Amino acid sequence: MSFAESSDVAWDLVDHGRATMTIAELNAAFVRLGSGGDREAIEIVLRSMCRAAGPRLPDELLARLTRLGQVGYLDEHVVDLLAVVSSVGSRDWVQ
């Protein structure tokens, strides 16, 4: 996966999860995205989505994030956050 691909995934995730983020989190994510900190931006959004228990990740975005984890681009604790978000936002999850 190239830097451009990982950047695209990070931008798409921020766009998808922005409703769950505080202003401070959103600002921090955009600063990270603008300075090449895609991994940090992804972590900020996933933490926010865990706290908010959603929204559900679209299948395509989940697959792209999973691939980042599989190729070792994401730290293990971020992969764990992704697992929580993907289970909390699943179709079977009931609030």
C-alpha atoms as a PDB file:
ATOM      1  CA  MET A   1       0.000   0.000   0.000  1.00  0.00           C
ATOM      2  CA  SER A   2       1.402   3.363  -0.995  1.00  0.00           C
ATOM      3  CA  PHE A   3       1.511   6.546   1.060  1.00  0.00           C
ATOM      4  CA  ALA A   4      -1.182   8.041  -1.196  1.00  0.00           C
ATOM      5  CA  GLU A   5      -3.473   5.082  -0.552  1.00  0.00           C
ATOM      6  CA  SER A   6      -3.026   5.268   3.214  1.00  0.00           C
ATOM      7  CA  SER A   7      -3.612   9.009   3.108  1.00  0.00           C
ATOM      8  CA  ASP A   8      -6.829   8.490   1.156  1.00  0.00           C
ATOM      9  CA  VAL A   9      -8.037   5.942   3.712  1.00  0.00           C
ATOM     10  CA  ALA A  10      -7.267   8.333   6.568  1.00  0.00           C
ATOM     11  CA  TRP A  11      -9.102  11.227   4.891  1.00  0.00           C
ATOM     12  CA  ASP A  12     -12.093   8.995   4.135  1.00  0.00           C
ATOM     13  CA  LEU A  13     -12.211   7.783   7.741  1.00  0.00           C
ATOM     14  CA  VAL A  14     -12.080  11.326   9.127  1.00  0.00           C
ATOM     15  CA  ASP A  15     -14.866  12.325   6.778  1.00  0.00           C
ATOM     16  CA  HIS A  16     -16.950   9.305   7.800  1.00  0.00           C
ATOM     17  CA  GLY A  17     -16.402   9.650  11.539  1.00  0.00           C
ATOM     18  CA  ARG A  18     -16.422  13.425  11.890  1.00  0.00           C
ATOM     19  CA  ALA A  19     -19.901  13.500  13.484  1.00  0.00           C
ATOM     20  CA  THR A  20     -18.546  11.533  16.454  1.00  0.00           C
ATOM     21  CA  MET A  21     -15.554  13.796  16.996  1.00  0.00           C
ATOM     22  CA  THR A  22     -15.221  16.771  19.294  1.00  0.00           C
ATOM     23  CA  ILE A  23     -13.932  20.003  17.784  1.00  0.00           C
ATOM     24  CA  ALA A  24     -10.561  19.365  19.435  1.00  0.00           C
ATOM     25  CA  GLU A  25     -10.387  15.840  17.972  1.00  0.00           C
ATOM     26  CA  LEU A  26     -11.408  17.059  14.538  1.00  0.00           C
ATOM     27  CA  ASN A  27      -8.788  19.816  14.620  1.00  0.00           C
ATOM     28  CA  ALA A  28      -6.129  17.355  15.798  1.00  0.00           C
ATOM     29  CA  ALA A  29      -7.056  14.898  13.040  1.00  0.00           C
ATOM     30  CA  PHE A  30      -6.818  17.578  10.357  1.00  0.00           C
ATOM     31  CA  VAL A  31      -3.461  18.773  11.700  1.00  0.00           C
ATOM     32  CA  ARG A  32      -2.184  15.186  11.587  1.00  0.00           C
ATOM     33  CA  LEU A  33      -3.521  14.675   8.068  1.00  0.00           C
ATOM     34  CA  GLY A  34      -1.878  17.897   6.890  1.00  0.00           C
ATOM     35  CA  SER A  35       1.488  16.924   8.339  1.00  0.00           C
ATOM     36  CA  GLY A  36       1.609  13.334   7.094  1.00  0.00           C
ATOM     37  CA  GLY A  37       0.382  11.793  10.347  1.00  0.00           C
ATOM     38  CA  ASP A  38      -2.168   9.468   8.781  1.00  0.00           C
ATOM     39  CA  ARG A  39      -1.735   6.812  11.458  1.00  0.00           C
ATOM     40  CA  GLU A  40      -2.354   9.298  14.240  1.00  0.00           C
ATOM     41  CA  ALA A  41      -5.429  10.701  12.461  1.00  0.00           C
ATOM     42  CA  ILE A  42      -6.826   7.182  12.057  1.00  0.00           C
ATOM     43  CA  GLU A  43      -6.294   6.509  15.754  1.00  0.00           C
ATOM     44  CA  ILE A  44      -8.055   9.748  16.758  1.00  0.00           C
ATOM     45  CA  VAL A  45     -11.112   8.890  14.678  1.00  0.00           C
ATOM     46  CA  LEU A  46     -11.288   5.267  15.818  1.00  0.00           C
ATOM     47  CA  ARG A  47     -11.084   6.322  19.484  1.00  0.00           C
ATOM     48  CA  SER A  48     -13.897   8.783  18.895  1.00  0.00           C
ATOM     49  CA  MET A  49     -16.013   6.159  17.143  1.00  0.00           C
ATOM     50  CA  CYS A  50     -15.418   3.704  20.015  1.00  0.00           C
ATOM     51  CA  ARG A  51     -16.601   6.302  22.503  1.00  0.00           C
ATOM     52  CA  ALA A  52     -19.695   7.084  20.407  1.00  0.00           C
ATOM     53  CA  ALA A  53     -20.396   3.425  19.575  1.00  0.00           C
ATOM     54  CA  GLY A  54     -20.660   4.129  15.880  1.00  0.00           C
ATOM     55  CA  PRO A  55     -21.352   4.921  13.163  1.00  0.00           C
ATOM     56  CA  ARG A  56     -20.950   1.641  11.354  1.00  0.00           C
ATOM     57  CA  LEU A  57     -18.019   1.549   8.969  1.00  0.00           C
ATOM     58  CA  PRO A  58     -18.953   0.945   5.338  1.00  0.00           C
ATOM     59  CA  ASP A  59     -17.668  -2.426   4.141  1.00  0.00           C
ATOM     60  CA  GLU A  60     -15.237  -0.867   1.647  1.00  0.00           C
ATOM     61  CA  LEU A  61     -13.690   1.461   4.242  1.00  0.00           C
ATOM     62  CA  LEU A  62     -13.453  -1.382   6.759  1.00  0.00           C
ATOM     63  CA  ALA A  63     -11.678  -3.535   4.158  1.00  0.00           C
ATOM     64  CA  ARG A  64      -9.215  -0.746   3.362  1.00  0.00           C
ATOM     65  CA  LEU A  65      -8.463  -0.154   7.057  1.00  0.00           C
ATOM     66  CA  THR A  66      -8.111  -3.889   7.660  1.00  0.00           C
ATOM     67  CA  ARG A  67      -5.591  -4.053   4.832  1.00  0.00           C
ATOM     68  CA  LEU A  68      -3.558  -1.260   6.467  1.00  0.00           C
ATOM     69  CA  GLY A  69      -3.438  -3.374   9.618  1.00  0.00           C
ATOM     70  CA  GLN A  70      -2.493  -6.517   7.724  1.00  0.00           C
ATOM     71  CA  VAL A  71       0.481  -4.897   6.020  1.00  0.00           C
ATOM     72  CA  GLY A  72       1.734  -3.546   9.337  1.00  0.00           C
ATOM     73  CA  TYR A  73       0.995   0.109   8.631  1.00  0.00           C
ATOM     74  CA  LEU A  74      -1.126   0.455  11.785  1.00  0.00           C
ATOM     75  CA  ASP A  75       0.151  -0.165  15.297  1.00  0.00           C
ATOM     76  CA  GLU A  76      -1.336  -3.127  17.141  1.00  0.00           C
ATOM     77  CA  HIS A  77      -3.406  -0.981  19.504  1.00  0.00           C
ATOM     78  CA  VAL A  78      -4.950   0.801  16.495  1.00  0.00           C
ATOM     79  CA  VAL A  79      -5.807  -2.568  14.934  1.00  0.00           C
ATOM     80  CA  ASP A  80      -7.487  -3.419  18.257  1.00  0.00           C
ATOM     81  CA  LEU A  81      -9.495  -0.166  18.082  1.00  0.00           C
ATOM     82  CA  LEU A  82     -10.546  -1.083  14.555  1.00  0.00           C
ATOM     83  CA  ALA A  83     -11.774  -4.464  15.804  1.00  0.00           C
ATOM     84  CA  VAL A  84     -13.879  -2.754  18.467  1.00  0.00           C
ATOM     85  CA  VAL A  85     -15.312  -0.226  16.016  1.00  0.00           C
ATOM     86  CA  SER A  86     -16.116  -2.912  13.464  1.00  0.00           C
ATOM     87  CA  SER A  87     -17.936  -5.023  16.072  1.00  0.00           C
ATOM     88  CA  VAL A  88     -19.771  -2.139  17.759  1.00  0.00           C
ATOM     89  CA  GLY A  89     -20.933  -0.799  14.444  1.00  0.00           C
ATOM     90  CA  SER A  90     -21.915  -4.161  13.057  1.00  0.00           C
ATOM     91  CA  ARG A  91     -25.377  -4.901  11.783  1.00  0.00           C
ATOM     92  CA  ASP A  92     -25.892  -7.325  14.671  1.00  0.00           C
ATOM     93  CA  TRP A  93     -25.051  -4.808  17.393  1.00  0.00           C
ATOM     94  CA  VAL A  94     -27.996  -3.583  19.445  1.00  0.00           C
ATOM     95  CA  GLN A  95     -27.776  -0.462  21.610  1.00  0.00           C
END
